[in-house]
PDB file of N, CA and C in Angstrom:
ATOM      1  N   MET A   1      97.901  61.215  34.022  1.00  0.00           N
ATOM      2  CA  MET A   1      98.969  61.324  33.052  1.00  0.00           C
ATOM      3  C   MET A   1      98.490  62.170  31.872  1.00  0.00           C
ATOM      4  N   THR A   2      99.324  63.082  31.448  1.00  0.00           N
ATOM      5  CA  THR A   2      98.957  63.922  30.324  1.00  0.00           C
ATOM      6  C   THR A   2      99.478  63.320  29.033  1.00  0.00           C
ATOM      7  N   SER A   3      98.791  63.648  27.958  1.00  0.00           N
ATOM      8  CA  SER A   3      99.224  63.188  26.649  1.00  0.00           C
ATOM      9  C   SER A   3      99.224  64.375  25.715  1.00  0.00           C
ATOM     10  N   ASP A   4      99.798  64.205  24.554  1.00  0.00           N
ATOM     11  CA  ASP A   4      99.813  65.272  23.574  1.00  0.00           C
ATOM     12  C   ASP A   4      98.479  65.245  22.840  1.00  0.00           C
ATOM     13  N   ALA A   5      97.595  66.161  23.204  1.00  0.00           N
ATOM     14  CA  ALA A   5      96.246  66.176  22.638  1.00  0.00           C
ATOM     15  C   ALA A   5      96.263  66.444  21.141  1.00  0.00           C
ATOM     16  N   ARG A   6      97.367  66.992  20.636  1.00  0.00           N
ATOM     17  CA  ARG A   6      97.446  67.273  19.199  1.00  0.00           C
ATOM     18  C   ARG A   6      97.442  65.994  18.371  1.00  0.00           C
ATOM     19  N   SER A   7      97.765  64.857  18.995  1.00  0.00           N
ATOM     20  CA  SER A   7      97.780  63.593  18.257  1.00  0.00           C
ATOM     21  C   SER A   7      96.384  62.975  18.135  1.00  0.00           C
ATOM     22  N   LEU A   8      95.405  63.567  18.805  1.00  0.00           N
ATOM     23  CA  LEU A   8      94.038  63.060  18.750  1.00  0.00           C
ATOM     24  C   LEU A   8      93.318  63.584  17.513  1.00  0.00           C
ATOM     25  N   SER A   9      92.244  62.915  17.155  1.00  0.00           N
ATOM     26  CA  SER A   9      91.436  63.389  16.028  1.00  0.00           C
ATOM     27  C   SER A   9      90.781  64.718  16.411  1.00  0.00           C
ATOM     28  N   PRO A  10      90.398  65.523  15.424  1.00  0.00           N
ATOM     29  CA  PRO A  10      89.724  66.789  15.742  1.00  0.00           C
ATOM     30  C   PRO A  10      88.470  66.603  16.598  1.00  0.00           C
ATOM     31  N   LEU A  11      87.726  65.544  16.347  1.00  0.00           N
ATOM     32  CA  LEU A  11      86.530  65.274  17.144  1.00  0.00           C
ATOM     33  C   LEU A  11      86.906  65.012  18.604  1.00  0.00           C
ATOM     34  N   GLU A  12      87.915  64.192  18.816  1.00  0.00           N
ATOM     35  CA  GLU A  12      88.356  63.886  20.180  1.00  0.00           C
ATOM     36  C   GLU A  12      88.875  65.147  20.880  1.00  0.00           C
ATOM     37  N   GLN A  13      89.566  65.992  20.154  1.00  0.00           N
ATOM     38  CA  GLN A  13      90.060  67.243  20.730  1.00  0.00           C
ATOM     39  C   GLN A  13      88.894  68.133  21.167  1.00  0.00           C
ATOM     40  N   ARG A  14      87.889  68.255  20.303  1.00  0.00           N
ATOM     41  CA  ARG A  14      86.722  69.073  20.649  1.00  0.00           C
ATOM     42  C   ARG A  14      86.001  68.519  21.873  1.00  0.00           C
ATOM     43  N   GLU A  15      85.883  67.196  21.946  1.00  0.00           N
ATOM     44  CA  GLU A  15      85.217  66.575  23.098  1.00  0.00           C
ATOM     45  C   GLU A  15      85.961  66.887  24.387  1.00  0.00           C
ATOM     46  N   LYS A  16      87.290  66.790  24.360  1.00  0.00           N
ATOM     47  CA  LYS A  16      88.091  67.101  25.551  1.00  0.00           C
ATOM     48  C   LYS A  16      87.904  68.552  25.963  1.00  0.00           C
ATOM     49  N   ARG A  17      87.930  69.463  24.998  1.00  0.00           N
ATOM     50  CA  ARG A  17      87.769  70.882  25.314  1.00  0.00           C
ATOM     51  C   ARG A  17      86.377  71.159  25.888  1.00  0.00           C
ATOM     52  N   ALA A  18      85.348  70.542  25.320  1.00  0.00           N
ATOM     53  CA  ALA A  18      83.981  70.744  25.811  1.00  0.00           C
ATOM     54  C   ALA A  18      83.840  70.229  27.245  1.00  0.00           C
ATOM     55  N   ILE A  19      84.373  69.055  27.508  1.00  0.00           N
ATOM     56  CA  ILE A  19      84.322  68.488  28.859  1.00  0.00           C
ATOM     57  C   ILE A  19      85.061  69.397  29.833  1.00  0.00           C
ATOM     58  N   ALA A  20      86.246  69.855  29.430  1.00  0.00           N
ATOM     59  CA  ALA A  20      87.054  70.709  30.298  1.00  0.00           C
ATOM     60  C   ALA A  20      86.319  72.004  30.639  1.00  0.00           C
ATOM     61  N   LEU A  21      85.723  72.631  29.645  1.00  0.00           N
ATOM     62  CA  LEU A  21      85.021  73.887  29.897  1.00  0.00           C
ATOM     63  C   LEU A  21      83.791  73.677  30.770  1.00  0.00           C
ATOM     64  N   ARG A  22      83.098  72.573  30.562  1.00  0.00           N
ATOM     65  CA  ARG A  22      81.940  72.252  31.406  1.00  0.00           C
ATOM     66  C   ARG A  22      82.375  72.038  32.855  1.00  0.00           C
ATOM     67  N   MET A  23      83.480  71.321  33.024  1.00  0.00           N
ATOM     68  CA  MET A  23      83.982  71.079  34.378  1.00  0.00           C
ATOM     69  C   MET A  23      84.385  72.390  35.055  1.00  0.00           C
ATOM     70  N   ARG A  24      84.987  73.295  34.293  1.00  0.00           N
ATOM     71  CA  ARG A  24      85.402  74.583  34.858  1.00  0.00           C
ATOM     72  C   ARG A  24      84.177  75.372  35.303  1.00  0.00           C
ATOM     73  N   GLU A  25      83.114  75.344  34.518  1.00  0.00           N
ATOM     74  CA  GLU A  25      81.871  76.016  34.898  1.00  0.00           C
ATOM     75  C   GLU A  25      81.306  75.444  36.191  1.00  0.00           C
ATOM     76  N   GLN A  26      81.581  74.165  36.442  1.00  0.00           N
ATOM     77  CA  GLN A  26      81.103  73.505  37.655  1.00  0.00           C
ATOM     78  C   GLN A  26      82.033  73.734  38.839  1.00  0.00           C
ATOM     79  N   GLY A  27      83.138  74.458  38.613  1.00  0.00           N
ATOM     80  CA  GLY A  27      84.010  74.830  39.723  1.00  0.00           C
ATOM     81  C   GLY A  27      85.246  73.980  39.924  1.00  0.00           C
ATOM     82  N   TYR A  28      85.514  73.050  39.025  1.00  0.00           N
ATOM     83  CA  TYR A  28      86.705  72.215  39.168  1.00  0.00           C
ATOM     84  C   TYR A  28      87.966  73.051  38.924  1.00  0.00           C
ATOM     85  N   THR A  29      89.062  72.643  39.548  1.00  0.00           N
ATOM     86  CA  THR A  29      90.336  73.335  39.354  1.00  0.00           C
ATOM     87  C   THR A  29      90.951  72.911  38.028  1.00  0.00           C
ATOM     88  N   TYR A  30      91.880  73.735  37.546  1.00  0.00           N
ATOM     89  CA  TYR A  30      92.580  73.399  36.314  1.00  0.00           C
ATOM     90  C   TYR A  30      93.286  72.047  36.456  1.00  0.00           C
ATOM     91  N   ARG A  31      93.876  71.817  37.603  1.00  0.00           N
ATOM     92  CA  ARG A  31      94.593  70.553  37.824  1.00  0.00           C
ATOM     93  C   ARG A  31      93.641  69.361  37.747  1.00  0.00           C
ATOM     94  N   ALA A  32      92.498  69.459  38.413  1.00  0.00           N
ATOM     95  CA  ALA A  32      91.529  68.356  38.403  1.00  0.00           C
ATOM     96  C   ALA A  32      91.006  68.107  36.988  1.00  0.00           C
ATOM     97  N   ILE A  33      90.758  69.181  36.259  1.00  0.00           N
ATOM     98  CA  ILE A  33      90.272  69.044  34.886  1.00  0.00           C
ATOM     99  C   ILE A  33      91.338  68.397  34.017  1.00  0.00           C
ATOM    100  N   GLY A  34      92.571  68.871  34.142  1.00  0.00           N
ATOM    101  CA  GLY A  34      93.673  68.306  33.368  1.00  0.00           C
ATOM    102  C   GLY A  34      93.828  66.819  33.601  1.00  0.00           C
ATOM    103  N   GLU A  35      93.732  66.421  34.853  1.00  0.00           N
ATOM    104  CA  GLU A  35      93.846  64.996  35.186  1.00  0.00           C
ATOM    105  C   GLU A  35      92.684  64.208  34.593  1.00  0.00           C
ATOM    106  N   ALA A  36      91.504  64.788  34.615  1.00  0.00           N
ATOM    107  CA  ALA A  36      90.314  64.091  34.111  1.00  0.00           C
ATOM    108  C   ALA A  36      90.353  63.898  32.602  1.00  0.00           C
ATOM    109  N   VAL A  37      90.813  64.918  31.870  1.00  0.00           N
ATOM    110  CA  VAL A  37      90.805  64.817  30.411  1.00  0.00           C
ATOM    111  C   VAL A  37      92.158  64.440  29.827  1.00  0.00           C
ATOM    112  N   GLY A  38      93.194  64.380  30.675  1.00  0.00           N
ATOM    113  CA  GLY A  38      94.489  63.895  30.222  1.00  0.00           C
ATOM    114  C   GLY A  38      95.370  64.927  29.536  1.00  0.00           C
ATOM    115  N   VAL A  39      95.253  66.195  29.970  1.00  0.00           N
ATOM    116  CA  VAL A  39      96.118  67.247  29.428  1.00  0.00           C
ATOM    117  C   VAL A  39      96.725  68.027  30.596  1.00  0.00           C
ATOM    118  N   HIS A  40      97.725  68.838  30.291  1.00  0.00           N
ATOM    119  CA  HIS A  40      98.379  69.637  31.318  1.00  0.00           C
ATOM    120  C   HIS A  40      97.439  70.742  31.788  1.00  0.00           C
ATOM    121  N   LEU A  41      97.567  71.139  33.039  1.00  0.00           N
ATOM    122  CA  LEU A  41      96.690  72.182  33.577  1.00  0.00           C
ATOM    123  C   LEU A  41      96.851  73.501  32.829  1.00  0.00           C
ATOM    124  N   ARG A  42      98.023  73.779  32.271  1.00  0.00           N
ATOM    125  CA  ARG A  42      98.202  75.008  31.487  1.00  0.00           C
ATOM    126  C   ARG A  42      97.380  74.964  30.198  1.00  0.00           C
ATOM    127  N   THR A  43      97.212  73.779  29.661  1.00  0.00           N
ATOM    128  CA  THR A  43      96.379  73.624  28.470  1.00  0.00           C
ATOM    129  C   THR A  43      94.933  73.970  28.807  1.00  0.00           C
ATOM    130  N   VAL A  44      94.478  73.492  29.953  1.00  0.00           N
ATOM    131  CA  VAL A  44      93.113  73.803  30.397  1.00  0.00           C
ATOM    132  C   VAL A  44      92.973  75.312  30.594  1.00  0.00           C
ATOM    133  N   ALA A  45      93.959  75.931  31.231  1.00  0.00           N
ATOM    134  CA  ALA A  45      93.923  77.380  31.460  1.00  0.00           C
ATOM    135  C   ALA A  45      93.838  78.128  30.129  1.00  0.00           C
ATOM    136  N   HIS A  46      94.562  77.650  29.133  1.00  0.00           N
ATOM    137  CA  HIS A  46      94.522  78.283  27.813  1.00  0.00           C
ATOM    138  C   HIS A  46      93.123  78.167  27.211  1.00  0.00           C
ATOM    139  N   TRP A  47      92.518  76.987  27.290  1.00  0.00           N
ATOM    140  CA  TRP A  47      91.178  76.795  26.748  1.00  0.00           C
ATOM    141  C   TRP A  47      90.177  77.723  27.426  1.00  0.00           C
ATOM    142  N   VAL A  48      90.295  77.864  28.741  1.00  0.00           N
ATOM    143  CA  VAL A  48      89.390  78.735  29.484  1.00  0.00           C
ATOM    144  C   VAL A  48      89.598  80.192  29.066  1.00  0.00           C
ATOM    145  N   GLU A  49      90.841  80.582  28.893  1.00  0.00           N
ATOM    146  CA  GLU A  49      91.146  81.948  28.468  1.00  0.00           C
ATOM    147  C   GLU A  49      90.550  82.242  27.087  1.00  0.00           C
ATOM    148  N   VAL A  50      90.689  81.299  26.171  1.00  0.00           N
ATOM    149  CA  VAL A  50      90.105  81.473  24.838  1.00  0.00           C
ATOM    150  C   VAL A  50      88.591  81.589  24.945  1.00  0.00           C
ATOM    151  N   ALA A  51      87.979  80.773  25.779  1.00  0.00           N
ATOM    152  CA  ALA A  51      86.527  80.821  25.956  1.00  0.00           C
ATOM    153  C   ALA A  51      86.088  82.174  26.497  1.00  0.00           C
ATOM    154  N   GLN A  52      86.856  82.736  27.414  1.00  0.00           N
ATOM    155  CA  GLN A  52      86.502  84.034  27.984  1.00  0.00           C
ATOM    156  C   GLN A  52      86.650  85.155  26.956  1.00  0.00           C
ATOM    157  N   ARG A  53      87.668  85.060  26.110  1.00  0.00           N
ATOM    158  CA  ARG A  53      87.933  86.111  25.126  1.00  0.00           C
ATOM    159  C   ARG A  53      87.062  85.998  23.878  1.00  0.00           C
ATOM    160  N   GLN A  54      86.923  84.771  23.363  1.00  0.00           N
ATOM    161  CA  GLN A  54      86.289  84.584  22.062  1.00  0.00           C
ATOM    162  C   GLN A  54      84.974  83.816  22.108  1.00  0.00           C
ATOM    163  N   GLY A  55      84.625  83.314  23.260  1.00  0.00           N
ATOM    164  CA  GLY A  55      83.387  82.543  23.391  1.00  0.00           C
ATOM    165  C   GLY A  55      83.658  81.055  23.501  1.00  0.00           C
ATOM    166  N   LYS A  56      82.734  80.398  24.125  1.00  0.00           N
ATOM    167  CA  LYS A  56      82.888  78.951  24.376  1.00  0.00           C
ATOM    168  C   LYS A  56      82.983  78.147  23.093  1.00  0.00           C
ATOM    169  N   SER A  57      82.172  78.477  22.098  1.00  0.00           N
ATOM    170  CA  SER A  57      82.211  77.693  20.850  1.00  0.00           C
ATOM    171  C   SER A  57      83.549  77.824  20.150  1.00  0.00           C
ATOM    172  N   ALA A  58      84.168  79.011  20.213  1.00  0.00           N
ATOM    173  CA  ALA A  58      85.492  79.193  19.594  1.00  0.00           C
ATOM    174  C   ALA A  58      86.543  78.356  20.335  1.00  0.00           C
ATOM    175  N   ALA A  59      86.424  78.283  21.654  1.00  0.00           N
ATOM    176  CA  ALA A  59      87.374  77.494  22.428  1.00  0.00           C
ATOM    177  C   ALA A  59      87.217  75.999  22.138  1.00  0.00           C
ATOM    178  N   ILE A  60      85.985  75.557  22.007  1.00  0.00           N
ATOM    179  CA  ILE A  60      85.748  74.144  21.720  1.00  0.00           C
ATOM    180  C   ILE A  60      86.223  73.785  20.320  1.00  0.00           C
ATOM    181  N   GLU A  61      85.990  74.679  19.374  1.00  0.00           N
ATOM    182  CA  GLU A  61      86.399  74.413  17.997  1.00  0.00           C
ATOM    183  C   GLU A  61      87.917  74.365  17.867  1.00  0.00           C
ATOM    184  N   GLY A  62      88.604  75.193  18.631  1.00  0.00           N
ATOM    185  CA  GLY A  62      90.069  75.197  18.587  1.00  0.00           C
ATOM    186  C   GLY A  62      90.590  75.811  17.316  1.00  0.00           C
ATOM    187  N   GLY A  63      91.824  75.449  17.009  1.00  0.00           N
ATOM    188  CA  GLY A  63      92.405  75.984  15.780  1.00  0.00           C
ATOM    189  C   GLY A  63      93.623  76.713  16.100  1.00  0.00           C
TER     190      GLY A  63
END
């Protein structure tokens, strides 16, 4: 089940993004990552895209 990650604290948001990016590096699909961290697969795809364009730390920090 997905939830609105924007309602989480900034720390919790960063933790979810870090876990998601680590899982993607390990070869997990966007769907599997989304299910694991509780966000939509498009959200995971966005985080990965930001990491590719701006770097992993920028994706984890968000904003």
